[in-house]
């Protein structure tokens, strides 16, 4: 168990590599109750979110989920990356899911009610996730990718979304806190293995997914992170729009790329990246890939560095050769 974002969280159960490979080959479940839930309701909820967040809710509707960003209005950097769950059958109920330590930042921007403490969230992920969930909770297993549904577990209302953070198919279940243990035990009985923060991080890295505080955060905009598809520039306004338009017009000076390295020694966050004698950026996240069995990294690099280029990562004074690639790695 480790402290994380103000919560005590499981780092591993049977071991990070074992849990990682179980997710890639079967199914695992994560306790992700540290994610925030801010509920917005009422006739103004849609307009509040449209004017605050980068993506366009008009692209979806009730019963759907959407990935989006909350930006710093001054420089367009990412204050948080967020999933919005639009409740089915109601135009005016949204659950906004911020990262662990950013819930108050999100409520300051959009209002709403912080209901985080009233529920747990269990993420079931892997190629066999839906099949195994079907045996104990078929209604939840039927929720499609980026769909949102109200379901019932043992007479308890829950909300299920076809979202995740591993690169594998699966669902996330928001369940009232007092029913979470019984649901967890039922899922364990369906041969769904518990997994911790360690595997969650290596899985999302293999999938090339950003982590706030590393690939996103102060000074890092969606354009630099290669996430321009999250930004609906045709909306008349949202926080940070002017700053992003200015950056788009002048061109970004760095871009998030992938790097693969040979051998089991992993590159780590903060290591400098060189092209010849020139420092061209730094690693934002790096680790050993359990699937590929060599090092992988995400790095913010000068835009002159292209996919296929050879680079070197400075590891305490020695150089680790690498090749620039386009994520995902797996």
C-alpha atoms as a PDB file:
ATOM      1  CA  UNK A   1       0.000   0.000   0.000  1.00  0.00           C
ATOM      2  CA  UNK A   2       1.263   3.490  -0.866  1.00  0.00           C
ATOM      3  CA  UNK A   3       0.016   7.070  -0.455  1.00  0.00           C
ATOM      4  CA  UNK A   4      -1.317   8.498  -3.734  1.00  0.00           C
ATOM      5  CA  UNK A   5      -3.159  11.783  -4.226  1.00  0.00           C
ATOM      6  CA  UNK A   6      -4.322  11.833  -0.621  1.00  0.00           C
ATOM      7  CA  UNK A   7      -5.457   8.200  -0.692  1.00  0.00           C
ATOM      8  CA  UNK A   8      -3.902   4.950   0.504  1.00  0.00           C
ATOM      9  CA  UNK A   9      -3.718   2.801  -2.622  1.00  0.00           C
ATOM     10  CA  UNK A  10      -2.615  -0.756  -3.477  1.00  0.00           C
ATOM     11  CA  UNK A  11       0.665  -0.727  -5.408  1.00  0.00           C
ATOM     12  CA  UNK A  12       0.554  -4.463  -6.122  1.00  0.00           C
ATOM     13  CA  UNK A  13      -1.140  -7.687  -5.055  1.00  0.00           C
ATOM     14  CA  UNK A  14       0.726 -10.598  -6.699  1.00  0.00           C
ATOM     15  CA  UNK A  15       3.348  -8.424  -8.405  1.00  0.00           C
ATOM     16  CA  UNK A  16       3.277  -5.739 -11.079  1.00  0.00           C
ATOM     17  CA  UNK A  17       4.495  -7.880 -14.001  1.00  0.00           C
ATOM     18  CA  UNK A  18       2.135 -10.750 -13.141  1.00  0.00           C
ATOM     19  CA  UNK A  19      -0.827  -8.355 -12.904  1.00  0.00           C
ATOM     20  CA  UNK A  20       0.187  -6.549 -16.097  1.00  0.00           C
ATOM     21  CA  UNK A  21       0.358  -9.766 -18.125  1.00  0.00           C
ATOM     22  CA  UNK A  22      -2.934 -10.965 -16.632  1.00  0.00           C
ATOM     23  CA  UNK A  23      -4.595  -7.802 -17.957  1.00  0.00           C
ATOM     24  CA  UNK A  24      -3.105  -8.266 -21.436  1.00  0.00           C
ATOM     25  CA  UNK A  25      -4.126 -11.946 -21.600  1.00  0.00           C
ATOM     26  CA  UNK A  26      -7.264 -12.251 -19.453  1.00  0.00           C
ATOM     27  CA  UNK A  27      -8.913  -9.860 -17.021  1.00  0.00           C
ATOM     28  CA  UNK A  28      -7.980  -7.837 -13.937  1.00  0.00           C
ATOM     29  CA  UNK A  29      -9.746  -5.335 -11.715  1.00  0.00           C
ATOM     30  CA  UNK A  30      -8.419  -2.108 -10.250  1.00  0.00           C
ATOM     31  CA  UNK A  31      -9.765  -0.145  -7.288  1.00  0.00           C
ATOM     32  CA  UNK A  32      -9.761   3.354  -8.790  1.00  0.00           C
ATOM     33  CA  UNK A  33     -11.900   4.996  -6.125  1.00  0.00           C
ATOM     34  CA  UNK A  34      -9.251   7.732  -5.839  1.00  0.00           C
ATOM     35  CA  UNK A  35     -10.616   9.194  -9.080  1.00  0.00           C
ATOM     36  CA  UNK A  36     -12.936  12.069  -8.313  1.00  0.00           C
ATOM     37  CA  UNK A  37     -16.610  12.294  -9.186  1.00  0.00           C
ATOM     38  CA  UNK A  38     -18.136  15.752  -9.534  1.00  0.00           C
ATOM     39  CA  UNK A  39     -21.850  15.620 -10.358  1.00  0.00           C
ATOM     40  CA  UNK A  40     -23.454  18.400 -12.355  1.00  0.00           C
ATOM     41  CA  UNK A  41     -27.219  18.527 -12.665  1.00  0.00           C
ATOM     42  CA  UNK A  42     -29.839  20.942 -13.925  1.00  0.00           C
ATOM     43  CA  UNK A  43     -30.662  22.761 -17.145  1.00  0.00           C
ATOM     44  CA  UNK A  44     -27.395  24.746 -17.139  1.00  0.00           C
ATOM     45  CA  UNK A  45     -25.074  21.751 -16.680  1.00  0.00           C
ATOM     46  CA  UNK A  46     -24.449  21.190 -20.404  1.00  0.00           C
ATOM     47  CA  UNK A  47     -23.594  24.849 -21.041  1.00  0.00           C
ATOM     48  CA  UNK A  48     -21.281  24.999 -18.010  1.00  0.00           C
ATOM     49  CA  UNK A  49     -19.276  22.033 -19.265  1.00  0.00           C
ATOM     50  CA  UNK A  50     -19.220  23.277 -22.849  1.00  0.00           C
ATOM     51  CA  UNK A  51     -17.768  26.611 -21.797  1.00  0.00           C
ATOM     52  CA  UNK A  52     -15.199  25.090 -19.410  1.00  0.00           C
ATOM     53  CA  UNK A  53     -13.861  21.966 -21.158  1.00  0.00           C
ATOM     54  CA  UNK A  54     -12.084  21.521 -24.499  1.00  0.00           C
ATOM     55  CA  UNK A  55     -14.091  18.771 -26.181  1.00  0.00           C
ATOM     56  CA  UNK A  56     -17.559  19.207 -27.673  1.00  0.00           C
ATOM     57  CA  UNK A  57     -20.403  17.447 -25.890  1.00  0.00           C
ATOM     58  CA  UNK A  58     -22.516  17.912 -29.021  1.00  0.00           C
ATOM     59  CA  UNK A  59     -20.482  15.036 -30.485  1.00  0.00           C
ATOM     60  CA  UNK A  60     -22.101  12.651 -27.993  1.00  0.00           C
ATOM     61  CA  UNK A  61     -25.345  12.538 -25.995  1.00  0.00           C
ATOM     62  CA  UNK A  62     -26.938  10.956 -22.916  1.00  0.00           C
ATOM     63  CA  UNK A  63     -25.603   7.480 -22.300  1.00  0.00           C
ATOM     64  CA  UNK A  64     -22.126   8.269 -23.643  1.00  0.00           C
ATOM     65  CA  UNK A  65     -18.701   9.136 -22.192  1.00  0.00           C
ATOM     66  CA  UNK A  66     -16.130  11.622 -23.508  1.00  0.00           C
ATOM     67  CA  UNK A  67     -12.449  12.341 -22.844  1.00  0.00           C
ATOM     68  CA  UNK A  68     -11.713  16.048 -22.425  1.00  0.00           C
ATOM     69  CA  UNK A  69      -9.374  18.612 -20.823  1.00  0.00           C
ATOM     70  CA  UNK A  70      -9.653  21.492 -18.374  1.00  0.00           C
ATOM     71  CA  UNK A  71      -7.101  24.133 -19.334  1.00  0.00           C
ATOM     72  CA  UNK A  72      -5.319  27.020 -17.675  1.00  0.00           C
ATOM     73  CA  UNK A  73      -6.934  30.038 -19.292  1.00  0.00           C
ATOM     74  CA  UNK A  74      -3.645  31.962 -19.381  1.00  0.00           C
ATOM     75  CA  UNK A  75      -1.344  29.556 -21.251  1.00  0.00           C
ATOM     76  CA  UNK A  76      -3.570  26.671 -22.365  1.00  0.00           C
ATOM     77  CA  UNK A  77      -1.709  24.071 -20.304  1.00  0.00           C
ATOM     78  CA  UNK A  78      -3.683  21.107 -18.974  1.00  0.00           C
ATOM     79  CA  UNK A  79      -4.975  21.570 -15.437  1.00  0.00           C
ATOM     80  CA  UNK A  80      -6.566  18.130 -15.650  1.00  0.00           C
ATOM     81  CA  UNK A  81      -7.629  15.492 -18.135  1.00  0.00           C
ATOM     82  CA  UNK A  82     -11.116  14.246 -17.471  1.00  0.00           C
ATOM     83  CA  UNK A  83     -13.714  11.689 -18.491  1.00  0.00           C
ATOM     84  CA  UNK A  84     -17.301  12.977 -18.574  1.00  0.00           C
ATOM     85  CA  UNK A  85     -20.057  10.393 -18.063  1.00  0.00           C
ATOM     86  CA  UNK A  86     -23.363  11.706 -19.440  1.00  0.00           C
ATOM     87  CA  UNK A  87     -26.084   9.790 -17.617  1.00  0.00           C
ATOM     88  CA  UNK A  88     -28.518   7.907 -19.852  1.00  0.00           C
ATOM     89  CA  UNK A  89     -32.063   9.132 -20.307  1.00  0.00           C
ATOM     90  CA  UNK A  90     -31.386  12.575 -18.839  1.00  0.00           C
ATOM     91  CA  UNK A  91     -30.057  15.644 -20.633  1.00  0.00           C
ATOM     92  CA  UNK A  92     -29.072  17.288 -17.364  1.00  0.00           C
ATOM     93  CA  UNK A  93     -27.000  14.816 -15.290  1.00  0.00           C
ATOM     94  CA  UNK A  94     -23.235  14.502 -15.758  1.00  0.00           C
ATOM     95  CA  UNK A  95     -20.492  12.838 -13.738  1.00  0.00           C
ATOM     96  CA  UNK A  96     -17.151  14.576 -14.288  1.00  0.00           C
ATOM     97  CA  UNK A  97     -14.238  12.289 -13.370  1.00  0.00           C
ATOM     98  CA  UNK A  98     -11.029  14.211 -12.528  1.00  0.00           C
ATOM     99  CA  UNK A  99      -7.692  12.817 -11.393  1.00  0.00           C
ATOM    100  CA  UNK A 100      -6.964  11.957  -7.782  1.00  0.00           C
ATOM    101  CA  UNK A 101      -5.651  15.294  -6.518  1.00  0.00           C
ATOM    102  CA  UNK A 102      -7.546  17.628  -8.856  1.00  0.00           C
ATOM    103  CA  UNK A 103     -11.147  17.365  -7.691  1.00  0.00           C
ATOM    104  CA  UNK A 104     -11.180  20.731  -5.921  1.00  0.00           C
ATOM    105  CA  UNK A 105      -9.578  22.371  -8.960  1.00  0.00           C
ATOM    106  CA  UNK A 106     -12.398  21.006 -11.112  1.00  0.00           C
ATOM    107  CA  UNK A 107     -15.161  22.059  -8.737  1.00  0.00           C
ATOM    108  CA  UNK A 108     -13.659  25.555  -8.643  1.00  0.00           C
ATOM    109  CA  UNK A 109     -13.959  25.689 -12.429  1.00  0.00           C
ATOM    110  CA  UNK A 110     -17.360  24.081 -13.020  1.00  0.00           C
ATOM    111  CA  UNK A 111     -19.162  23.955  -9.667  1.00  0.00           C
ATOM    112  CA  UNK A 112     -21.191  20.813  -9.049  1.00  0.00           C
ATOM    113  CA  UNK A 113     -21.238  18.447  -6.100  1.00  0.00           C
ATOM    114  CA  UNK A 114     -18.259  16.338  -5.057  1.00  0.00           C
ATOM    115  CA  UNK A 115     -19.729  12.852  -4.493  1.00  0.00           C
ATOM    116  CA  UNK A 116     -16.369  11.039  -4.454  1.00  0.00           C
ATOM    117  CA  UNK A 117     -16.673   9.829  -0.854  1.00  0.00           C
ATOM    118  CA  UNK A 118     -20.069   8.220  -1.424  1.00  0.00           C
ATOM    119  CA  UNK A 119     -18.962   5.638  -3.989  1.00  0.00           C
ATOM    120  CA  UNK A 120     -16.170   3.321  -5.061  1.00  0.00           C
ATOM    121  CA  UNK A 121     -15.044   2.761  -8.655  1.00  0.00           C
ATOM    122  CA  UNK A 122     -13.893  -0.655  -9.865  1.00  0.00           C
ATOM    123  CA  UNK A 123     -12.272  -0.891 -13.310  1.00  0.00           C
ATOM    124  CA  UNK A 124     -12.372  -4.333 -14.962  1.00  0.00           C
ATOM    125  CA  UNK A 125      -9.942  -4.508 -17.889  1.00  0.00           C
ATOM    126  CA  UNK A 126      -8.629  -7.116 -20.325  1.00  0.00           C
ATOM    127  CA  UNK A 127      -9.605  -9.052 -23.457  1.00  0.00           C
ATOM    128  CA  UNK A 128     -11.752 -11.417 -21.359  1.00  0.00           C
ATOM    129  CA  UNK A 129     -13.185  -8.699 -19.079  1.00  0.00           C
ATOM    130  CA  UNK A 130     -16.735  -8.644 -20.419  1.00  0.00           C
ATOM    131  CA  UNK A 131     -16.959 -12.428 -20.693  1.00  0.00           C
ATOM    132  CA  UNK A 132     -15.932 -12.905 -17.067  1.00  0.00           C
ATOM    133  CA  UNK A 133     -18.111 -10.073 -15.737  1.00  0.00           C
ATOM    134  CA  UNK A 134     -21.092 -11.627 -17.546  1.00  0.00           C
ATOM    135  CA  UNK A 135     -21.119 -14.546 -15.131  1.00  0.00           C
ATOM    136  CA  UNK A 136     -21.778 -12.303 -12.111  1.00  0.00           C
ATOM    137  CA  UNK A 137     -23.113  -9.000 -13.506  1.00  0.00           C
ATOM    138  CA  UNK A 138     -24.362  -9.464 -17.103  1.00  0.00           C
ATOM    139  CA  UNK A 139     -26.058  -6.051 -17.217  1.00  0.00           C
ATOM    140  CA  UNK A 140     -22.725  -4.315 -16.605  1.00  0.00           C
ATOM    141  CA  UNK A 141     -20.856  -6.532 -19.062  1.00  0.00           C
ATOM    142  CA  UNK A 142     -23.230  -5.424 -21.835  1.00  0.00           C
ATOM    143  CA  UNK A 143     -22.241  -1.733 -21.592  1.00  0.00           C
ATOM    144  CA  UNK A 144     -20.357  -0.875 -24.792  1.00  0.00           C
ATOM    145  CA  UNK A 145     -17.193   1.119 -25.361  1.00  0.00           C
ATOM    146  CA  UNK A 146     -17.588   4.731 -24.218  1.00  0.00           C
ATOM    147  CA  UNK A 147     -21.253   4.050 -23.397  1.00  0.00           C
ATOM    148  CA  UNK A 148     -22.752   4.842 -19.962  1.00  0.00           C
ATOM    149  CA  UNK A 149     -25.623   2.929 -18.351  1.00  0.00           C
ATOM    150  CA  UNK A 150     -27.503   2.763 -15.100  1.00  0.00           C
ATOM    151  CA  UNK A 151     -27.444  -0.834 -13.832  1.00  0.00           C
ATOM    152  CA  UNK A 152     -28.466  -2.671 -10.679  1.00  0.00           C
ATOM    153  CA  UNK A 153     -26.188  -4.803  -8.510  1.00  0.00           C
ATOM    154  CA  UNK A 154     -27.994  -6.793  -5.770  1.00  0.00           C
ATOM    155  CA  UNK A 155     -30.828  -4.217  -5.812  1.00  0.00           C
ATOM    156  CA  UNK A 156     -28.273  -1.367  -5.589  1.00  0.00           C
ATOM    157  CA  UNK A 157     -28.202   1.223  -8.394  1.00  0.00           C
ATOM    158  CA  UNK A 158     -24.756   1.634  -9.987  1.00  0.00           C
ATOM    159  CA  UNK A 159     -23.388   3.517 -12.987  1.00  0.00           C
ATOM    160  CA  UNK A 160     -21.266   1.638 -15.531  1.00  0.00           C
ATOM    161  CA  UNK A 161     -19.129   3.119 -18.310  1.00  0.00           C
ATOM    162  CA  UNK A 162     -17.243   1.364 -21.092  1.00  0.00           C
ATOM    163  CA  UNK A 163     -14.033   3.233 -20.308  1.00  0.00           C
ATOM    164  CA  UNK A 164     -10.579   2.357 -18.989  1.00  0.00           C
ATOM    165  CA  UNK A 165      -6.891   3.222 -18.885  1.00  0.00           C
ATOM    166  CA  UNK A 166      -5.026   0.126 -20.045  1.00  0.00           C
ATOM    167  CA  UNK A 167      -5.445  -0.109 -23.813  1.00  0.00           C
ATOM    168  CA  UNK A 168      -7.631  -3.187 -23.278  1.00  0.00           C
ATOM    169  CA  UNK A 169     -11.430  -3.456 -23.486  1.00  0.00           C
ATOM    170  CA  UNK A 170     -13.377  -3.250 -20.259  1.00  0.00           C
ATOM    171  CA  UNK A 171     -15.714  -1.312 -18.019  1.00  0.00           C
ATOM    172  CA  UNK A 172     -15.628   0.947 -14.967  1.00  0.00           C
ATOM    173  CA  UNK A 173     -18.305   0.523 -12.301  1.00  0.00           C
ATOM    174  CA  UNK A 174     -19.238   3.326  -9.895  1.00  0.00           C
ATOM    175  CA  UNK A 175     -20.894   1.566  -6.970  1.00  0.00           C
ATOM    176  CA  UNK A 176     -22.129   2.970  -3.633  1.00  0.00           C
ATOM    177  CA  UNK A 177     -19.356   2.562  -1.084  1.00  0.00           C
ATOM    178  CA  UNK A 178     -21.281   0.199   1.165  1.00  0.00           C
ATOM    179  CA  UNK A 179     -21.827  -2.257  -1.724  1.00  0.00           C
ATOM    180  CA  UNK A 180     -18.304  -2.095  -3.125  1.00  0.00           C
ATOM    181  CA  UNK A 181     -16.844  -4.979  -1.101  1.00  0.00           C
ATOM    182  CA  UNK A 182     -19.525  -7.454  -2.146  1.00  0.00           C
ATOM    183  CA  UNK A 183     -19.109  -6.499  -5.813  1.00  0.00           C
ATOM    184  CA  UNK A 184     -15.307  -6.810  -5.563  1.00  0.00           C
ATOM    185  CA  UNK A 185     -15.605 -10.283  -4.014  1.00  0.00           C
ATOM    186  CA  UNK A 186     -18.085 -11.387  -6.689  1.00  0.00           C
ATOM    187  CA  UNK A 187     -15.745 -10.232  -9.451  1.00  0.00           C
ATOM    188  CA  UNK A 188     -12.836 -12.042  -7.772  1.00  0.00           C
ATOM    189  CA  UNK A 189     -14.981 -15.175  -7.793  1.00  0.00           C
ATOM    190  CA  UNK A 190     -15.330 -14.793 -11.567  1.00  0.00           C
ATOM    191  CA  UNK A 191     -11.563 -15.268 -12.014  1.00  0.00           C
ATOM    192  CA  UNK A 192     -10.869 -11.543 -12.284  1.00  0.00           C
ATOM    193  CA  UNK A 193      -7.483 -10.878 -10.681  1.00  0.00           C
ATOM    194  CA  UNK A 194      -6.856  -7.776  -8.516  1.00  0.00           C
ATOM    195  CA  UNK A 195      -4.210  -5.384  -9.889  1.00  0.00           C
ATOM    196  CA  UNK A 196      -2.565  -2.326  -8.354  1.00  0.00           C
ATOM    197  CA  UNK A 197      -1.129   1.040  -9.292  1.00  0.00           C
ATOM    198  CA  UNK A 198       2.120  -0.468 -10.565  1.00  0.00           C
ATOM    199  CA  UNK A 199       0.424  -2.468 -13.313  1.00  0.00           C
ATOM    200  CA  UNK A 200      -1.985   0.368 -14.042  1.00  0.00           C
ATOM    201  CA  UNK A 201       1.014   2.594 -14.825  1.00  0.00           C
ATOM    202  CA  UNK A 202       2.901   0.082 -16.977  1.00  0.00           C
ATOM    203  CA  UNK A 203      -0.279  -0.797 -18.879  1.00  0.00           C
ATOM    204  CA  UNK A 204      -1.162   2.804 -19.669  1.00  0.00           C
ATOM    205  CA  UNK A 205       2.460   3.473 -20.684  1.00  0.00           C
ATOM    206  CA  UNK A 206       2.482   0.549 -23.124  1.00  0.00           C
ATOM    207  CA  UNK A 207      -0.770   1.942 -24.533  1.00  0.00           C
ATOM    208  CA  UNK A 208       0.812   5.400 -24.910  1.00  0.00           C
ATOM    209  CA  UNK A 209      -1.767   7.030 -22.622  1.00  0.00           C
ATOM    210  CA  UNK A 210      -0.805  10.254 -20.801  1.00  0.00           C
ATOM    211  CA  UNK A 211      -0.630  10.679 -17.040  1.00  0.00           C
ATOM    212  CA  UNK A 212      -1.415  14.047 -15.527  1.00  0.00           C
ATOM    213  CA  UNK A 213       1.645  15.421 -13.791  1.00  0.00           C
ATOM    214  CA  UNK A 214       3.935  13.762 -16.341  1.00  0.00           C
ATOM    215  CA  UNK A 215       2.672  13.994 -19.942  1.00  0.00           C
ATOM    216  CA  UNK A 216       0.120  16.660 -19.015  1.00  0.00           C
ATOM    217  CA  UNK A 217       0.366  19.493 -16.513  1.00  0.00           C
ATOM    218  CA  UNK A 218       1.856  22.962 -16.013  1.00  0.00           C
ATOM    219  CA  UNK A 219       3.343  24.281 -19.244  1.00  0.00           C
ATOM    220  CA  UNK A 220       2.172  21.262 -21.302  1.00  0.00           C
ATOM    221  CA  UNK A 221      -0.690  21.927 -23.705  1.00  0.00           C
ATOM    222  CA  UNK A 222      -2.886  19.392 -25.545  1.00  0.00           C
ATOM    223  CA  UNK A 223      -1.106  20.330 -28.786  1.00  0.00           C
ATOM    224  CA  UNK A 224       2.311  19.498 -27.331  1.00  0.00           C
ATOM    225  CA  UNK A 225       0.921  16.212 -25.981  1.00  0.00           C
ATOM    226  CA  UNK A 226      -0.382  15.224 -29.438  1.00  0.00           C
ATOM    227  CA  UNK A 227      -3.979  15.462 -28.229  1.00  0.00           C
ATOM    228  CA  UNK A 228      -5.361  18.135 -30.555  1.00  0.00           C
ATOM    229  CA  UNK A 229      -8.324  15.829 -31.267  1.00  0.00           C
ATOM    230  CA  UNK A 230      -9.531  16.602 -27.719  1.00  0.00           C
ATOM    231  CA  UNK A 231      -9.839  20.300 -28.581  1.00  0.00           C
ATOM    232  CA  UNK A 232     -12.982  21.533 -30.368  1.00  0.00           C
ATOM    233  CA  UNK A 233     -11.621  24.785 -31.809  1.00  0.00           C
ATOM    234  CA  UNK A 234     -14.947  25.389 -33.567  1.00  0.00           C
ATOM    235  CA  UNK A 235     -16.657  25.950 -30.212  1.00  0.00           C
ATOM    236  CA  UNK A 236     -17.057  29.718 -29.662  1.00  0.00           C
ATOM    237  CA  UNK A 237     -15.381  29.609 -26.268  1.00  0.00           C
ATOM    238  CA  UNK A 238     -13.781  27.406 -23.635  1.00  0.00           C
ATOM    239  CA  UNK A 239     -11.097  27.988 -21.035  1.00  0.00           C
ATOM    240  CA  UNK A 240      -7.695  28.391 -22.683  1.00  0.00           C
ATOM    241  CA  UNK A 241      -9.013  28.620 -26.259  1.00  0.00           C
ATOM    242  CA  UNK A 242      -7.227  31.880 -27.075  1.00  0.00           C
ATOM    243  CA  UNK A 243      -3.901  30.601 -25.761  1.00  0.00           C
ATOM    244  CA  UNK A 244      -4.190  27.384 -27.794  1.00  0.00           C
ATOM    245  CA  UNK A 245      -5.088  29.296 -30.954  1.00  0.00           C
ATOM    246  CA  UNK A 246      -2.000  31.449 -30.476  1.00  0.00           C
ATOM    247  CA  UNK A 247       0.175  28.351 -30.000  1.00  0.00           C
ATOM    248  CA  UNK A 248      -1.339  26.669 -33.042  1.00  0.00           C
ATOM    249  CA  UNK A 249      -0.650  29.743 -35.162  1.00  0.00           C
ATOM    250  CA  UNK A 250       3.001  30.075 -34.131  1.00  0.00           C
ATOM    251  CA  UNK A 251       3.646  26.312 -34.004  1.00  0.00           C
ATOM    252  CA  UNK A 252       4.533  24.093 -31.070  1.00  0.00           C
ATOM    253  CA  UNK A 253       8.168  23.892 -29.950  1.00  0.00           C
ATOM    254  CA  UNK A 254       8.003  20.318 -28.607  1.00  0.00           C
ATOM    255  CA  UNK A 255       5.920  17.204 -29.105  1.00  0.00           C
ATOM    256  CA  UNK A 256       5.237  14.060 -27.098  1.00  0.00           C
ATOM    257  CA  UNK A 257       6.910  11.041 -28.699  1.00  0.00           C
ATOM    258  CA  UNK A 258       7.650   7.449 -27.820  1.00  0.00           C
ATOM    259  CA  UNK A 259      11.140   5.994 -27.391  1.00  0.00           C
ATOM    260  CA  UNK A 260      12.096   2.313 -27.322  1.00  0.00           C
ATOM    261  CA  UNK A 261      15.356   1.110 -25.786  1.00  0.00           C
ATOM    262  CA  UNK A 262      17.172  -2.213 -25.866  1.00  0.00           C
ATOM    263  CA  UNK A 263      17.524  -4.378 -22.779  1.00  0.00           C
ATOM    264  CA  UNK A 264      15.589  -4.545 -19.530  1.00  0.00           C
ATOM    265  CA  UNK A 265      17.025  -1.384 -17.974  1.00  0.00           C
ATOM    266  CA  UNK A 266      14.192   1.183 -18.031  1.00  0.00           C
ATOM    267  CA  UNK A 267      14.476   4.879 -18.849  1.00  0.00           C
ATOM    268  CA  UNK A 268      13.015   7.016 -16.076  1.00  0.00           C
ATOM    269  CA  UNK A 269      11.112  10.269 -15.675  1.00  0.00           C
ATOM    270  CA  UNK A 270      13.323  13.337 -15.973  1.00  0.00           C
ATOM    271  CA  UNK A 271      16.190  11.710 -17.871  1.00  0.00           C
ATOM    272  CA  UNK A 272      17.531  14.024 -20.598  1.00  0.00           C
ATOM    273  CA  UNK A 273      17.308  12.956 -24.245  1.00  0.00           C
ATOM    274  CA  UNK A 274      20.063  13.776 -26.739  1.00  0.00           C
ATOM    275  CA  UNK A 275      20.363  13.736 -30.518  1.00  0.00           C
ATOM    276  CA  UNK A 276      24.114  13.775 -31.028  1.00  0.00           C
ATOM    277  CA  UNK A 277      25.514  16.462 -28.723  1.00  0.00           C
ATOM    278  CA  UNK A 278      22.268  18.422 -28.574  1.00  0.00           C
ATOM    279  CA  UNK A 279      19.806  17.973 -25.724  1.00  0.00           C
ATOM    280  CA  UNK A 280      16.395  17.655 -27.407  1.00  0.00           C
ATOM    281  CA  UNK A 281      14.041  16.965 -24.511  1.00  0.00           C
ATOM    282  CA  UNK A 282      13.406  14.757 -21.515  1.00  0.00           C
ATOM    283  CA  UNK A 283      11.577  11.602 -20.535  1.00  0.00           C
ATOM    284  CA  UNK A 284       8.131  12.220 -19.046  1.00  0.00           C
ATOM    285  CA  UNK A 285       7.419   8.535 -18.230  1.00  0.00           C
ATOM    286  CA  UNK A 286       9.579   5.454 -18.652  1.00  0.00           C
ATOM    287  CA  UNK A 287       9.549   1.828 -17.565  1.00  0.00           C
ATOM    288  CA  UNK A 288      10.203  -1.775 -18.530  1.00  0.00           C
ATOM    289  CA  UNK A 289       7.539  -3.158 -20.881  1.00  0.00           C
ATOM    290  CA  UNK A 290       6.438  -6.582 -19.622  1.00  0.00           C
ATOM    291  CA  UNK A 291       5.001  -7.450 -23.042  1.00  0.00           C
ATOM    292  CA  UNK A 292       7.905  -6.233 -25.198  1.00  0.00           C
ATOM    293  CA  UNK A 293      10.548  -7.115 -22.578  1.00  0.00           C
ATOM    294  CA  UNK A 294      12.587  -3.951 -23.102  1.00  0.00           C
ATOM    295  CA  UNK A 295      12.491  -0.321 -22.036  1.00  0.00           C
ATOM    296  CA  UNK A 296       9.890   2.151 -23.301  1.00  0.00           C
ATOM    297  CA  UNK A 297       9.401   5.851 -22.626  1.00  0.00           C
ATOM    298  CA  UNK A 298       7.244   8.822 -23.434  1.00  0.00           C
ATOM    299  CA  UNK A 299       9.248  12.015 -23.893  1.00  0.00           C
ATOM    300  CA  UNK A 300       8.638  15.656 -24.768  1.00  0.00           C
ATOM    301  CA  UNK A 301      11.053  16.265 -27.646  1.00  0.00           C
ATOM    302  CA  UNK A 302      11.923  19.138 -29.967  1.00  0.00           C
ATOM    303  CA  UNK A 303       9.688  19.083 -33.031  1.00  0.00           C
ATOM    304  CA  UNK A 304      12.752  18.607 -35.248  1.00  0.00           C
ATOM    305  CA  UNK A 305      13.099  15.080 -33.834  1.00  0.00           C
ATOM    306  CA  UNK A 306      11.121  12.663 -36.022  1.00  0.00           C
ATOM    307  CA  UNK A 307       9.793   9.126 -35.728  1.00  0.00           C
ATOM    308  CA  UNK A 308      12.607   6.743 -36.685  1.00  0.00           C
ATOM    309  CA  UNK A 309      15.395   8.982 -35.399  1.00  0.00           C
ATOM    310  CA  UNK A 310      18.083   7.547 -33.141  1.00  0.00           C
ATOM    311  CA  UNK A 311      18.503   9.276 -29.774  1.00  0.00           C
ATOM    312  CA  UNK A 312      20.344   8.685 -26.524  1.00  0.00           C
ATOM    313  CA  UNK A 313      18.952   8.936 -23.009  1.00  0.00           C
ATOM    314  CA  UNK A 314      21.310  10.173 -20.307  1.00  0.00           C
ATOM    315  CA  UNK A 315      21.280   7.717 -17.412  1.00  0.00           C
ATOM    316  CA  UNK A 316      23.434   9.111 -14.620  1.00  0.00           C
ATOM    317  CA  UNK A 317      26.221  10.092 -16.985  1.00  0.00           C
ATOM    318  CA  UNK A 318      26.044   7.142 -19.372  1.00  0.00           C
ATOM    319  CA  UNK A 319      24.066   7.067 -22.613  1.00  0.00           C
ATOM    320  CA  UNK A 320      21.241   4.607 -23.338  1.00  0.00           C
ATOM    321  CA  UNK A 321      20.554   4.283 -27.087  1.00  0.00           C
ATOM    322  CA  UNK A 322      16.947   4.593 -28.207  1.00  0.00           C
ATOM    323  CA  UNK A 323      14.740   4.974 -31.265  1.00  0.00           C
ATOM    324  CA  UNK A 324      11.873   7.449 -31.577  1.00  0.00           C
ATOM    325  CA  UNK A 325       8.551   5.717 -32.309  1.00  0.00           C
ATOM    326  CA  UNK A 326       4.890   6.619 -32.523  1.00  0.00           C
ATOM    327  CA  UNK A 327       2.871   5.324 -29.537  1.00  0.00           C
ATOM    328  CA  UNK A 328       1.185   3.075 -28.639  1.00  0.00           C
ATOM    329  CA  UNK A 329       3.974   0.628 -27.937  1.00  0.00           C
ATOM    330  CA  UNK A 330       1.531  -2.290 -27.563  1.00  0.00           C
END
